[in-house]
């Protein structure tokens, strides 16, 4: 038979002796990278490149030292690549069917055709200016005014289109429409004034 267990002085006989708590092995600890991937799963799944994830990590204030200590990666970019590999891509679908720009009505097609035909009207209006006497450069007298007006109009048109598309990019269609309605007549007037200014006899 085995002998009785010797109890330390002052201990109660109905209590068990103290057993030191064993440390949990490191391999049993949850992977911190997996925990981070789970926490940022929605963002990582929609990312198209690891750099997007790296930007998010840096915006959260994670330094390279913290990343090395917590996750065992050398910097935010290596951690972002690891997260990108562990999470499956799930890009969100756009709400509703995509708009087809070619599906427009008859009126829209006719209006677009008229707009595309306007440069031809310019040739018709400018033809008499190209049939006059020659200037000092050996060109018809109306060549330089036409070129000056066309160059001015082209420059104005590029700036106006950029401004209108900038408003569209900001989601303000009304401002884009106003800029076109005001800017187009002003551009035509400015081009005409430039052409008159360089015309012979002015």
N, C-alpha and C. Protein backbone atom coordinates (compact mmCIF):
# COMPACT_ATOMS: atom_id res chain seq x y z
N UNK A 1 0.84 -1.20 0.00
CA UNK A 1 0.00 0.00 0.00
C UNK A 1 0.87 1.24 0.00
N UNK A 2 0.36 2.24 -0.64
CA UNK A 2 1.12 3.48 -0.70
C UNK A 2 0.84 4.30 0.54
N UNK A 3 1.81 5.11 0.92
CA UNK A 3 1.66 5.94 2.09
C UNK A 3 0.81 7.16 1.81
N UNK A 4 0.43 7.86 2.87
CA UNK A 4 -0.40 9.06 2.72
C UNK A 4 0.44 10.21 2.19
N UNK A 5 -0.27 11.12 1.53
CA UNK A 5 0.41 12.30 0.99
C UNK A 5 0.69 13.26 2.12
N UNK A 6 1.91 13.71 2.19
CA UNK A 6 2.28 14.65 3.25
C UNK A 6 1.79 16.04 2.86
N UNK A 7 0.97 16.66 3.69
CA UNK A 7 0.41 17.97 3.44
C UNK A 7 1.28 19.02 4.11
N UNK A 8 1.48 20.16 3.46
CA UNK A 8 2.27 21.22 4.09
C UNK A 8 1.52 21.80 5.27
N UNK A 9 2.26 22.36 6.24
CA UNK A 9 1.61 22.92 7.43
C UNK A 9 0.64 24.04 7.06
N UNK A 10 -0.51 24.09 7.72
CA UNK A 10 -1.51 25.12 7.50
C UNK A 10 -2.46 24.84 6.36
N UNK A 11 -2.28 23.76 5.62
CA UNK A 11 -3.17 23.46 4.50
C UNK A 11 -4.34 22.64 4.99
N UNK A 12 -5.45 22.79 4.28
CA UNK A 12 -6.65 22.04 4.62
C UNK A 12 -6.58 20.67 3.97
N UNK A 13 -7.06 19.65 4.67
CA UNK A 13 -6.97 18.29 4.10
C UNK A 13 -7.90 18.06 2.94
N UNK A 14 -8.93 18.93 2.77
CA UNK A 14 -9.87 18.70 1.68
C UNK A 14 -9.49 19.45 0.41
N UNK A 15 -8.32 20.07 0.38
CA UNK A 15 -7.87 20.78 -0.82
C UNK A 15 -6.75 20.01 -1.48
N UNK A 16 -6.67 20.14 -2.79
CA UNK A 16 -5.62 19.47 -3.54
C UNK A 16 -4.36 20.30 -3.52
N UNK A 17 -3.23 19.67 -3.63
CA UNK A 17 -1.98 20.44 -3.67
C UNK A 17 -1.91 21.29 -4.94
N UNK A 18 -1.21 22.42 -4.87
CA UNK A 18 -1.08 23.35 -5.99
C UNK A 18 -0.24 22.73 -7.10
N UNK A 19 -0.78 22.78 -8.30
CA UNK A 19 -0.05 22.28 -9.47
C UNK A 19 0.26 23.47 -10.36
N UNK A 20 1.50 23.77 -10.64
CA UNK A 20 1.83 24.93 -11.49
C UNK A 20 1.18 24.79 -12.87
N UNK A 21 0.66 25.92 -13.37
CA UNK A 21 0.01 25.93 -14.69
C UNK A 21 1.07 25.85 -15.78
N UNK A 22 0.89 24.92 -16.67
CA UNK A 22 1.85 24.74 -17.74
C UNK A 22 1.62 25.80 -18.83
N UNK A 23 2.71 26.27 -19.39
CA UNK A 23 2.63 27.25 -20.47
C UNK A 23 2.15 26.59 -21.75
N UNK A 24 1.33 27.34 -22.47
CA UNK A 24 0.81 26.83 -23.74
C UNK A 24 1.91 26.87 -24.80
N UNK A 25 2.12 25.78 -25.51
CA UNK A 25 3.19 25.80 -26.52
C UNK A 25 2.90 26.80 -27.62
N UNK A 26 3.96 27.31 -28.20
CA UNK A 26 3.81 28.35 -29.22
C UNK A 26 3.06 27.85 -30.44
N UNK A 27 3.20 26.53 -30.73
CA UNK A 27 2.52 26.03 -31.91
C UNK A 27 1.01 25.95 -31.72
N UNK A 28 0.56 26.01 -30.46
CA UNK A 28 -0.88 25.95 -30.19
C UNK A 28 -1.52 27.33 -30.19
N UNK A 29 -0.72 28.39 -30.23
CA UNK A 29 -1.28 29.73 -30.26
C UNK A 29 -1.91 30.02 -31.62
N UNK A 30 -3.00 30.78 -31.68
CA UNK A 30 -3.60 31.13 -32.98
C UNK A 30 -2.65 32.00 -33.80
N UNK A 31 -2.66 31.79 -35.09
CA UNK A 31 -1.78 32.54 -35.97
C UNK A 31 -2.26 33.99 -36.03
N UNK A 32 -1.43 34.96 -35.64
CA UNK A 32 -1.88 36.36 -35.67
C UNK A 32 -2.19 36.86 -37.07
N UNK A 33 -1.51 36.29 -38.08
CA UNK A 33 -1.80 36.70 -39.45
C UNK A 33 -3.20 36.24 -39.85
N UNK A 34 -3.56 35.02 -39.43
CA UNK A 34 -4.91 34.53 -39.72
C UNK A 34 -5.97 35.38 -39.02
N UNK A 35 -5.68 35.78 -37.79
CA UNK A 35 -6.63 36.63 -37.07
C UNK A 35 -6.79 37.98 -37.76
N UNK A 36 -5.68 38.54 -38.22
CA UNK A 36 -5.76 39.82 -38.93
C UNK A 36 -6.49 39.66 -40.26
N UNK A 37 -6.24 38.54 -40.94
CA UNK A 37 -6.93 38.29 -42.21
C UNK A 37 -8.44 38.15 -41.99
N UNK A 38 -8.82 37.53 -40.90
CA UNK A 38 -10.24 37.39 -40.60
C UNK A 38 -10.88 38.73 -40.28
N UNK A 39 -10.13 39.58 -39.57
CA UNK A 39 -10.67 40.88 -39.19
C UNK A 39 -10.81 41.81 -40.40
N UNK A 40 -9.90 41.70 -41.35
CA UNK A 40 -9.93 42.56 -42.54
C UNK A 40 -10.40 41.80 -43.78
N UNK A 41 -11.15 40.74 -43.58
CA UNK A 41 -11.49 39.84 -44.69
C UNK A 41 -12.24 40.56 -45.81
N UNK A 42 -13.22 41.39 -45.48
CA UNK A 42 -14.02 42.04 -46.51
C UNK A 42 -13.17 42.96 -47.38
N UNK A 43 -12.29 43.71 -46.74
CA UNK A 43 -11.44 44.62 -47.51
C UNK A 43 -10.43 43.85 -48.35
N UNK A 44 -9.82 42.82 -47.76
CA UNK A 44 -8.80 42.06 -48.48
C UNK A 44 -9.42 41.32 -49.67
N UNK A 45 -10.62 40.80 -49.50
CA UNK A 45 -11.26 40.05 -50.57
C UNK A 45 -11.57 40.93 -51.77
N UNK A 46 -11.82 42.21 -51.54
CA UNK A 46 -12.14 43.12 -52.64
C UNK A 46 -10.91 43.80 -53.23
N UNK A 47 -9.75 43.62 -52.62
CA UNK A 47 -8.54 44.27 -53.11
C UNK A 47 -8.07 43.62 -54.41
N UNK A 48 -7.55 44.44 -55.31
CA UNK A 48 -7.04 43.93 -56.58
C UNK A 48 -5.52 43.85 -56.59
N UNK A 49 -4.87 44.37 -55.53
CA UNK A 49 -3.41 44.33 -55.46
C UNK A 49 -3.00 44.41 -53.99
N UNK A 50 -1.92 43.74 -53.61
CA UNK A 50 -1.48 43.81 -52.20
C UNK A 50 -1.15 45.21 -51.72
N UNK A 51 -0.80 46.11 -52.64
CA UNK A 51 -0.47 47.47 -52.21
C UNK A 51 -1.67 48.16 -51.56
N UNK A 52 -2.89 47.80 -51.96
CA UNK A 52 -4.06 48.37 -51.32
C UNK A 52 -4.12 47.97 -49.84
N UNK A 53 -3.78 46.72 -49.57
CA UNK A 53 -3.78 46.23 -48.20
C UNK A 53 -2.66 46.90 -47.41
N UNK A 54 -1.50 47.07 -48.04
CA UNK A 54 -0.39 47.74 -47.36
C UNK A 54 -0.76 49.17 -47.00
N UNK A 55 -1.47 49.85 -47.89
CA UNK A 55 -1.90 51.22 -47.58
C UNK A 55 -2.85 51.24 -46.39
N UNK A 56 -3.73 50.25 -46.31
CA UNK A 56 -4.65 50.18 -45.17
C UNK A 56 -3.89 49.92 -43.87
N UNK A 57 -2.92 49.03 -43.91
CA UNK A 57 -2.13 48.74 -42.71
C UNK A 57 -1.38 49.97 -42.23
N UNK A 58 -0.80 50.71 -43.18
CA UNK A 58 -0.06 51.91 -42.80
C UNK A 58 -0.99 53.00 -42.29
N UNK A 59 -2.19 53.07 -42.87
CA UNK A 59 -3.15 54.08 -42.39
C UNK A 59 -3.63 53.77 -40.98
N UNK A 60 -3.58 52.49 -40.58
CA UNK A 60 -3.94 52.11 -39.22
C UNK A 60 -2.83 52.38 -38.22
N UNK A 61 -1.69 52.87 -38.70
CA UNK A 61 -0.60 53.21 -37.80
C UNK A 61 0.35 52.08 -37.49
N UNK A 62 0.32 51.00 -38.28
CA UNK A 62 1.23 49.89 -38.04
C UNK A 62 2.62 50.23 -38.59
N UNK A 63 3.60 50.19 -37.73
CA UNK A 63 4.98 50.41 -38.16
C UNK A 63 5.63 49.08 -38.53
N UNK A 64 6.77 49.16 -39.18
CA UNK A 64 7.48 47.93 -39.56
C UNK A 64 7.95 47.16 -38.33
N UNK A 65 8.32 47.88 -37.28
CA UNK A 65 8.74 47.20 -36.05
C UNK A 65 7.58 46.42 -35.43
N UNK A 66 6.41 47.04 -35.39
CA UNK A 66 5.25 46.34 -34.85
C UNK A 66 4.89 45.12 -35.70
N UNK A 67 4.99 45.26 -37.00
CA UNK A 67 4.66 44.15 -37.89
C UNK A 67 5.64 43.00 -37.71
N UNK A 68 6.92 43.32 -37.56
CA UNK A 68 7.91 42.26 -37.33
C UNK A 68 7.67 41.55 -36.00
N UNK A 69 7.29 42.32 -34.98
CA UNK A 69 7.10 41.73 -33.65
C UNK A 69 5.83 40.91 -33.57
N UNK A 70 4.74 41.41 -34.15
CA UNK A 70 3.45 40.74 -34.00
C UNK A 70 3.24 39.63 -35.03
N UNK A 71 3.65 39.89 -36.28
CA UNK A 71 3.26 38.99 -37.37
C UNK A 71 4.44 38.29 -38.03
N UNK A 72 5.66 38.64 -37.66
CA UNK A 72 6.81 37.94 -38.21
C UNK A 72 7.12 38.28 -39.64
N UNK A 73 6.62 39.39 -40.14
CA UNK A 73 6.92 39.85 -41.50
C UNK A 73 7.83 41.07 -41.42
N UNK A 74 8.64 41.27 -42.45
CA UNK A 74 9.65 42.32 -42.36
C UNK A 74 9.07 43.72 -42.48
N UNK A 75 7.96 43.87 -43.22
CA UNK A 75 7.36 45.20 -43.37
C UNK A 75 5.90 45.05 -43.77
N UNK A 76 5.25 46.19 -44.01
CA UNK A 76 3.82 46.18 -44.33
C UNK A 76 3.55 45.54 -45.69
N UNK A 77 4.49 45.65 -46.62
CA UNK A 77 4.26 45.09 -47.95
C UNK A 77 4.31 43.56 -47.92
N UNK A 78 5.25 43.01 -47.17
CA UNK A 78 5.31 41.55 -47.07
C UNK A 78 4.09 41.00 -46.32
N UNK A 79 3.64 41.72 -45.30
CA UNK A 79 2.43 41.30 -44.59
C UNK A 79 1.21 41.41 -45.50
N UNK A 80 1.17 42.46 -46.31
CA UNK A 80 0.05 42.62 -47.24
C UNK A 80 0.02 41.49 -48.26
N UNK A 81 1.18 41.09 -48.75
CA UNK A 81 1.22 39.97 -49.70
C UNK A 81 0.76 38.67 -49.05
N UNK A 82 1.13 38.48 -47.78
CA UNK A 82 0.69 37.28 -47.07
C UNK A 82 -0.82 37.28 -46.88
N UNK A 83 -1.38 38.41 -46.51
CA UNK A 83 -2.83 38.51 -46.35
C UNK A 83 -3.54 38.32 -47.68
N UNK A 84 -2.96 38.87 -48.73
CA UNK A 84 -3.56 38.75 -50.07
C UNK A 84 -3.61 37.30 -50.52
N UNK A 85 -2.61 36.52 -50.14
CA UNK A 85 -2.58 35.11 -50.52
C UNK A 85 -3.57 34.27 -49.71
N UNK A 86 -3.84 34.66 -48.48
CA UNK A 86 -4.66 33.83 -47.60
C UNK A 86 -6.16 34.05 -47.78
N UNK A 87 -6.55 35.16 -48.37
CA UNK A 87 -7.97 35.48 -48.51
C UNK A 87 -8.37 35.35 -49.98
N UNK A 88 -9.45 34.65 -50.21
CA UNK A 88 -9.93 34.45 -51.59
C UNK A 88 -10.55 35.74 -52.11
N UNK A 89 -10.36 35.98 -53.41
CA UNK A 89 -10.88 37.20 -54.03
C UNK A 89 -12.40 37.13 -54.14
N UNK A 90 -13.07 38.19 -53.70
CA UNK A 90 -14.52 38.30 -53.83
C UNK A 90 -14.84 39.74 -54.17
N UNK A 91 -14.80 40.06 -55.45
CA UNK A 91 -15.06 41.42 -55.87
C UNK A 91 -16.57 41.68 -55.87
N UNK A 92 -17.01 42.78 -55.29
CA UNK A 92 -18.46 43.05 -55.23
C UNK A 92 -19.03 43.33 -56.61
N UNK A 93 -20.20 42.82 -56.84
CA UNK A 93 -20.88 43.04 -58.11
C UNK A 93 -21.58 44.40 -58.09
N UNK A 94 -21.61 45.08 -59.23
CA UNK A 94 -22.30 46.38 -59.27
C UNK A 94 -23.80 46.19 -59.08
N UNK A 95 -24.45 47.13 -58.41
CA UNK A 95 -25.90 47.01 -58.21
C UNK A 95 -26.67 47.20 -59.51
N UNK A 96 -27.42 46.20 -59.90
CA UNK A 96 -28.22 46.30 -61.11
C UNK A 96 -27.41 46.03 -62.36
N UNK A 97 -28.06 45.92 -63.49
CA UNK A 97 -27.34 45.66 -64.75
C UNK A 97 -26.52 46.86 -65.19
N UNK A 98 -25.41 46.57 -65.84
CA UNK A 98 -24.53 47.64 -66.32
C UNK A 98 -25.19 48.39 -67.47
N UNK A 99 -24.95 49.70 -67.50
CA UNK A 99 -25.53 50.53 -68.55
C UNK A 99 -24.79 50.32 -69.86
N UNK A 100 -25.53 50.11 -70.91
CA UNK A 100 -24.95 49.94 -72.24
C UNK A 100 -24.98 51.29 -72.96
N UNK A 101 -23.81 51.91 -73.21
CA UNK A 101 -23.82 53.24 -73.84
C UNK A 101 -24.34 53.24 -75.27
N UNK A 102 -24.40 52.06 -75.90
CA UNK A 102 -24.87 52.00 -77.28
C UNK A 102 -26.38 51.89 -77.38
N UNK A 103 -27.04 51.63 -76.28
CA UNK A 103 -28.50 51.52 -76.29
C UNK A 103 -29.11 52.90 -76.04
N UNK A 104 -29.26 53.67 -77.12
CA UNK A 104 -29.85 55.00 -77.02
C UNK A 104 -30.99 55.09 -78.03
N UNK A 105 -31.83 56.10 -77.85
CA UNK A 105 -32.98 56.25 -78.72
C UNK A 105 -32.62 56.88 -80.06
N UNK A 106 -33.64 56.97 -80.91
CA UNK A 106 -33.45 57.54 -82.25
C UNK A 106 -33.05 59.00 -82.18
N UNK A 107 -33.66 59.76 -81.27
CA UNK A 107 -33.33 61.17 -81.16
C UNK A 107 -31.87 61.38 -80.77
N UNK A 108 -31.38 60.54 -79.87
CA UNK A 108 -29.98 60.65 -79.48
C UNK A 108 -29.04 60.36 -80.63
N UNK A 109 -29.38 59.36 -81.44
CA UNK A 109 -28.55 59.05 -82.62
C UNK A 109 -28.54 60.20 -83.62
N UNK A 110 -29.71 60.80 -83.85
CA UNK A 110 -29.78 61.92 -84.80
C UNK A 110 -28.99 63.12 -84.28
N UNK A 111 -29.10 63.39 -82.99
CA UNK A 111 -28.36 64.52 -82.42
C UNK A 111 -26.86 64.28 -82.50
N UNK A 112 -26.45 63.06 -82.25
CA UNK A 112 -25.03 62.75 -82.35
C UNK A 112 -24.54 62.90 -83.78
N UNK A 113 -25.35 62.49 -84.75
CA UNK A 113 -24.96 62.65 -86.15
C UNK A 113 -24.81 64.11 -86.54
N UNK A 114 -25.71 64.96 -86.04
CA UNK A 114 -25.62 66.39 -86.35
C UNK A 114 -24.34 66.98 -85.77
N UNK A 115 -24.02 66.58 -84.55
CA UNK A 115 -22.80 67.10 -83.91
C UNK A 115 -21.56 66.68 -84.69
N UNK A 116 -21.53 65.42 -85.14
CA UNK A 116 -20.37 64.95 -85.90
C UNK A 116 -20.30 65.60 -87.28
N UNK A 117 -21.42 66.09 -87.80
CA UNK A 117 -21.41 66.72 -89.12
C UNK A 117 -21.06 68.20 -89.06
N UNK A 118 -21.00 68.79 -87.89
CA UNK A 118 -20.71 70.22 -87.78
C UNK A 118 -19.36 70.62 -88.36
N UNK A 119 -18.29 69.81 -88.21
CA UNK A 119 -17.03 70.22 -88.86
C UNK A 119 -17.16 70.39 -90.37
N UNK A 120 -18.01 69.58 -91.01
CA UNK A 120 -18.22 69.76 -92.44
C UNK A 120 -18.85 71.11 -92.76
N UNK A 121 -19.72 71.60 -91.87
CA UNK A 121 -20.30 72.92 -92.07
C UNK A 121 -19.23 74.01 -92.04
N UNK A 122 -18.22 73.79 -91.21
CA UNK A 122 -17.12 74.75 -91.18
C UNK A 122 -16.39 74.84 -92.50
N UNK A 123 -16.21 73.69 -93.17
CA UNK A 123 -15.57 73.72 -94.48
C UNK A 123 -16.41 74.49 -95.50
N UNK A 124 -17.72 74.30 -95.43
CA UNK A 124 -18.61 75.00 -96.37
C UNK A 124 -18.54 76.51 -96.14
N UNK A 125 -18.57 76.92 -94.88
CA UNK A 125 -18.53 78.35 -94.59
C UNK A 125 -17.16 78.96 -94.89
N UNK A 126 -16.11 78.18 -94.76
CA UNK A 126 -14.77 78.73 -94.98
C UNK A 126 -14.28 78.62 -96.41
N UNK A 127 -15.03 77.94 -97.27
CA UNK A 127 -14.58 77.77 -98.66
C UNK A 127 -14.39 79.10 -99.39
N UNK A 128 -15.30 80.09 -99.25
CA UNK A 128 -15.06 81.36 -99.96
C UNK A 128 -13.78 82.07 -99.52
N UNK A 129 -13.38 81.88 -98.27
CA UNK A 129 -12.17 82.55 -97.79
C UNK A 129 -10.91 81.94 -98.39
N UNK A 130 -11.01 80.71 -98.87
CA UNK A 130 -9.85 80.04 -99.44
C UNK A 130 -9.76 80.22 -100.96
N UNK A 131 -10.68 81.00 -101.52
CA UNK A 131 -10.69 81.20 -102.97
C UNK A 131 -10.28 82.61 -103.36
N UNK A 132 -9.87 83.43 -102.39
CA UNK A 132 -9.52 84.81 -102.68
C UNK A 132 -8.10 84.96 -103.17
N UNK A 133 -7.64 86.20 -103.29
CA UNK A 133 -6.26 86.46 -103.73
C UNK A 133 -5.25 85.97 -102.70
N UNK A 134 -4.04 85.78 -103.17
CA UNK A 134 -3.00 85.27 -102.28
C UNK A 134 -2.42 86.39 -101.43
N UNK A 135 -1.96 86.00 -100.24
CA UNK A 135 -1.34 86.98 -99.36
C UNK A 135 0.17 86.93 -99.53
N UNK A 136 0.89 87.54 -98.60
CA UNK A 136 2.34 87.59 -98.70
C UNK A 136 3.01 86.24 -98.58
N UNK A 137 2.34 85.27 -98.01
CA UNK A 137 2.89 83.93 -97.87
C UNK A 137 2.58 83.03 -99.06
N UNK A 138 1.87 83.56 -100.03
CA UNK A 138 1.49 82.75 -101.18
C UNK A 138 0.28 81.89 -100.94
N UNK A 139 -0.45 82.13 -99.87
CA UNK A 139 -1.65 81.38 -99.54
C UNK A 139 -2.88 82.25 -99.77
N UNK A 140 -4.05 81.62 -99.94
CA UNK A 140 -5.27 82.43 -100.03
C UNK A 140 -5.41 83.34 -98.82
N UNK A 141 -5.99 84.48 -99.03
CA UNK A 141 -6.02 85.51 -97.99
C UNK A 141 -6.73 85.04 -96.72
N UNK A 142 -7.66 84.10 -96.83
CA UNK A 142 -8.39 83.66 -95.64
C UNK A 142 -7.76 82.50 -94.90
N UNK A 143 -6.59 82.03 -95.36
CA UNK A 143 -5.99 80.85 -94.73
C UNK A 143 -5.55 81.13 -93.30
N UNK A 144 -4.82 82.22 -93.11
CA UNK A 144 -4.30 82.53 -91.77
C UNK A 144 -5.43 82.79 -90.78
N UNK A 145 -6.45 83.59 -91.14
CA UNK A 145 -7.56 83.75 -90.18
C UNK A 145 -8.27 82.44 -89.83
N UNK A 146 -8.45 81.57 -90.83
CA UNK A 146 -9.08 80.29 -90.54
C UNK A 146 -8.23 79.44 -89.60
N UNK A 147 -6.93 79.41 -89.86
CA UNK A 147 -6.05 78.63 -88.99
C UNK A 147 -6.03 79.20 -87.57
N UNK A 148 -5.99 80.52 -87.46
CA UNK A 148 -5.97 81.13 -86.13
C UNK A 148 -7.26 80.85 -85.37
N UNK A 149 -8.40 80.98 -86.07
CA UNK A 149 -9.67 80.69 -85.42
C UNK A 149 -9.81 79.24 -85.03
N UNK A 150 -9.33 78.33 -85.92
CA UNK A 150 -9.41 76.90 -85.62
C UNK A 150 -8.52 76.54 -84.44
N UNK A 151 -7.31 77.10 -84.40
CA UNK A 151 -6.40 76.81 -83.29
C UNK A 151 -6.96 77.33 -81.97
N UNK A 152 -7.52 78.53 -82.00
CA UNK A 152 -8.13 79.08 -80.79
C UNK A 152 -9.33 78.23 -80.34
N UNK A 153 -10.16 77.84 -81.30
CA UNK A 153 -11.32 77.03 -80.95
C UNK A 153 -10.94 75.66 -80.42
N UNK A 154 -9.90 75.07 -81.01
CA UNK A 154 -9.46 73.75 -80.53
C UNK A 154 -8.94 73.84 -79.10
N UNK A 155 -8.15 74.87 -78.82
CA UNK A 155 -7.62 75.04 -77.46
C UNK A 155 -8.75 75.26 -76.46
N UNK A 156 -9.68 76.13 -76.83
CA UNK A 156 -10.81 76.40 -75.94
C UNK A 156 -11.66 75.13 -75.72
N UNK A 157 -11.84 74.37 -76.78
CA UNK A 157 -12.65 73.16 -76.68
C UNK A 157 -12.02 72.14 -75.73
N UNK A 158 -10.71 72.00 -75.78
CA UNK A 158 -10.04 71.05 -74.88
C UNK A 158 -10.20 71.46 -73.42
N UNK A 159 -10.02 72.75 -73.16
CA UNK A 159 -10.19 73.22 -71.79
C UNK A 159 -11.63 73.09 -71.31
N UNK A 160 -12.57 73.38 -72.19
CA UNK A 160 -13.98 73.27 -71.82
C UNK A 160 -14.38 71.82 -71.56
N UNK A 161 -13.90 70.91 -72.40
CA UNK A 161 -14.21 69.50 -72.20
C UNK A 161 -13.62 68.99 -70.88
N UNK A 162 -12.40 69.42 -70.58
CA UNK A 162 -11.78 69.01 -69.31
C UNK A 162 -12.59 69.51 -68.12
N UNK A 163 -13.06 70.74 -68.20
CA UNK A 163 -13.85 71.29 -67.10
C UNK A 163 -15.18 70.55 -66.95
N UNK A 164 -15.83 70.27 -68.07
CA UNK A 164 -17.11 69.57 -68.01
C UNK A 164 -16.95 68.16 -67.44
N UNK A 165 -15.91 67.45 -67.88
CA UNK A 165 -15.68 66.10 -67.36
C UNK A 165 -15.26 66.12 -65.89
N UNK A 166 -14.60 67.19 -65.48
CA UNK A 166 -14.25 67.30 -64.05
C UNK A 166 -15.51 67.42 -63.20
N UNK A 167 -16.47 68.21 -63.67
CA UNK A 167 -17.73 68.31 -62.94
C UNK A 167 -18.47 66.98 -62.92
N UNK A 168 -18.42 66.26 -64.06
CA UNK A 168 -19.06 64.94 -64.09
C UNK A 168 -18.39 63.98 -63.12
N UNK A 169 -17.07 64.06 -63.04
CA UNK A 169 -16.36 63.20 -62.10
C UNK A 169 -16.73 63.47 -60.66
N UNK A 170 -17.10 64.71 -60.37
CA UNK A 170 -17.54 65.06 -59.02
C UNK A 170 -19.01 64.76 -58.79
N UNK A 171 -19.69 64.28 -59.83
CA UNK A 171 -21.10 63.92 -59.70
C UNK A 171 -22.06 65.08 -59.86
N UNK A 172 -21.58 66.22 -60.36
CA UNK A 172 -22.44 67.40 -60.52
C UNK A 172 -22.75 67.57 -62.01
N UNK A 173 -23.81 66.91 -62.46
CA UNK A 173 -24.18 67.00 -63.87
C UNK A 173 -24.70 68.38 -64.24
N UNK A 174 -25.37 69.04 -63.31
CA UNK A 174 -25.91 70.37 -63.60
C UNK A 174 -24.78 71.36 -63.87
N UNK A 175 -23.72 71.31 -63.08
CA UNK A 175 -22.58 72.20 -63.30
C UNK A 175 -21.89 71.89 -64.63
N UNK A 176 -21.80 70.61 -64.97
CA UNK A 176 -21.21 70.23 -66.25
C UNK A 176 -22.03 70.77 -67.42
N UNK A 177 -23.35 70.68 -67.29
CA UNK A 177 -24.23 71.19 -68.34
C UNK A 177 -24.11 72.71 -68.47
N UNK A 178 -24.05 73.39 -67.34
CA UNK A 178 -23.92 74.85 -67.38
C UNK A 178 -22.61 75.28 -68.02
N UNK A 179 -21.54 74.57 -67.70
CA UNK A 179 -20.24 74.94 -68.28
C UNK A 179 -20.25 74.78 -69.80
N UNK A 180 -20.93 73.76 -70.30
CA UNK A 180 -21.01 73.57 -71.76
C UNK A 180 -21.90 74.62 -72.41
N UNK A 181 -23.04 74.91 -71.77
CA UNK A 181 -23.96 75.89 -72.36
C UNK A 181 -23.36 77.29 -72.40
N UNK A 182 -22.57 77.62 -71.41
CA UNK A 182 -21.95 78.95 -71.38
C UNK A 182 -20.64 78.96 -72.16
N UNK A 183 -19.86 77.89 -72.04
CA UNK A 183 -18.54 77.89 -72.64
C UNK A 183 -18.54 77.72 -74.15
N UNK A 184 -19.49 76.97 -74.70
CA UNK A 184 -19.50 76.74 -76.15
C UNK A 184 -19.73 78.03 -76.93
N UNK A 185 -20.75 78.84 -76.61
CA UNK A 185 -20.90 80.12 -77.35
C UNK A 185 -19.72 81.06 -77.14
N UNK A 186 -19.16 81.07 -75.94
CA UNK A 186 -18.01 81.93 -75.69
C UNK A 186 -16.82 81.49 -76.54
N UNK A 187 -16.64 80.18 -76.70
CA UNK A 187 -15.55 79.70 -77.54
C UNK A 187 -15.73 80.07 -78.99
N UNK A 188 -16.97 79.96 -79.49
CA UNK A 188 -17.24 80.35 -80.87
C UNK A 188 -16.98 81.84 -81.08
N UNK A 189 -17.41 82.65 -80.12
CA UNK A 189 -17.19 84.10 -80.23
C UNK A 189 -15.71 84.43 -80.16
N UNK A 190 -14.98 83.78 -79.27
CA UNK A 190 -13.56 84.05 -79.14
C UNK A 190 -12.81 83.64 -80.41
N UNK A 191 -13.15 82.49 -80.98
CA UNK A 191 -12.49 82.07 -82.22
C UNK A 191 -12.76 83.03 -83.36
N UNK A 192 -13.98 83.55 -83.44
CA UNK A 192 -14.31 84.52 -84.49
C UNK A 192 -13.53 85.81 -84.31
N UNK A 193 -13.42 86.27 -83.08
CA UNK A 193 -12.67 87.51 -82.83
C UNK A 193 -11.19 87.34 -83.16
N UNK A 194 -10.63 86.18 -82.85
CA UNK A 194 -9.22 85.93 -83.18
C UNK A 194 -9.04 85.90 -84.69
N UNK A 195 -9.96 85.26 -85.40
CA UNK A 195 -9.85 85.21 -86.86
C UNK A 195 -9.95 86.61 -87.47
N UNK A 196 -10.85 87.44 -86.96
CA UNK A 196 -10.97 88.80 -87.46
C UNK A 196 -9.73 89.63 -87.14
N UNK A 197 -9.12 89.35 -85.99
CA UNK A 197 -7.97 90.15 -85.58
C UNK A 197 -6.77 89.92 -86.50
N UNK A 198 -6.62 88.72 -87.04
CA UNK A 198 -5.46 88.43 -87.89
C UNK A 198 -5.81 88.52 -89.37
N UNK A 199 -7.06 88.86 -89.69
CA UNK A 199 -7.45 88.96 -91.10
C UNK A 199 -6.77 90.17 -91.74
N UNK A 200 -6.44 90.08 -93.02
CA UNK A 200 -5.81 91.22 -93.71
C UNK A 200 -6.72 92.44 -93.69
N UNK A 201 -6.11 93.60 -93.47
CA UNK A 201 -6.87 94.84 -93.45
C UNK A 201 -7.41 95.19 -92.09
N UNK A 202 -7.11 94.39 -91.04
CA UNK A 202 -7.59 94.69 -89.69
C UNK A 202 -6.40 94.96 -88.78
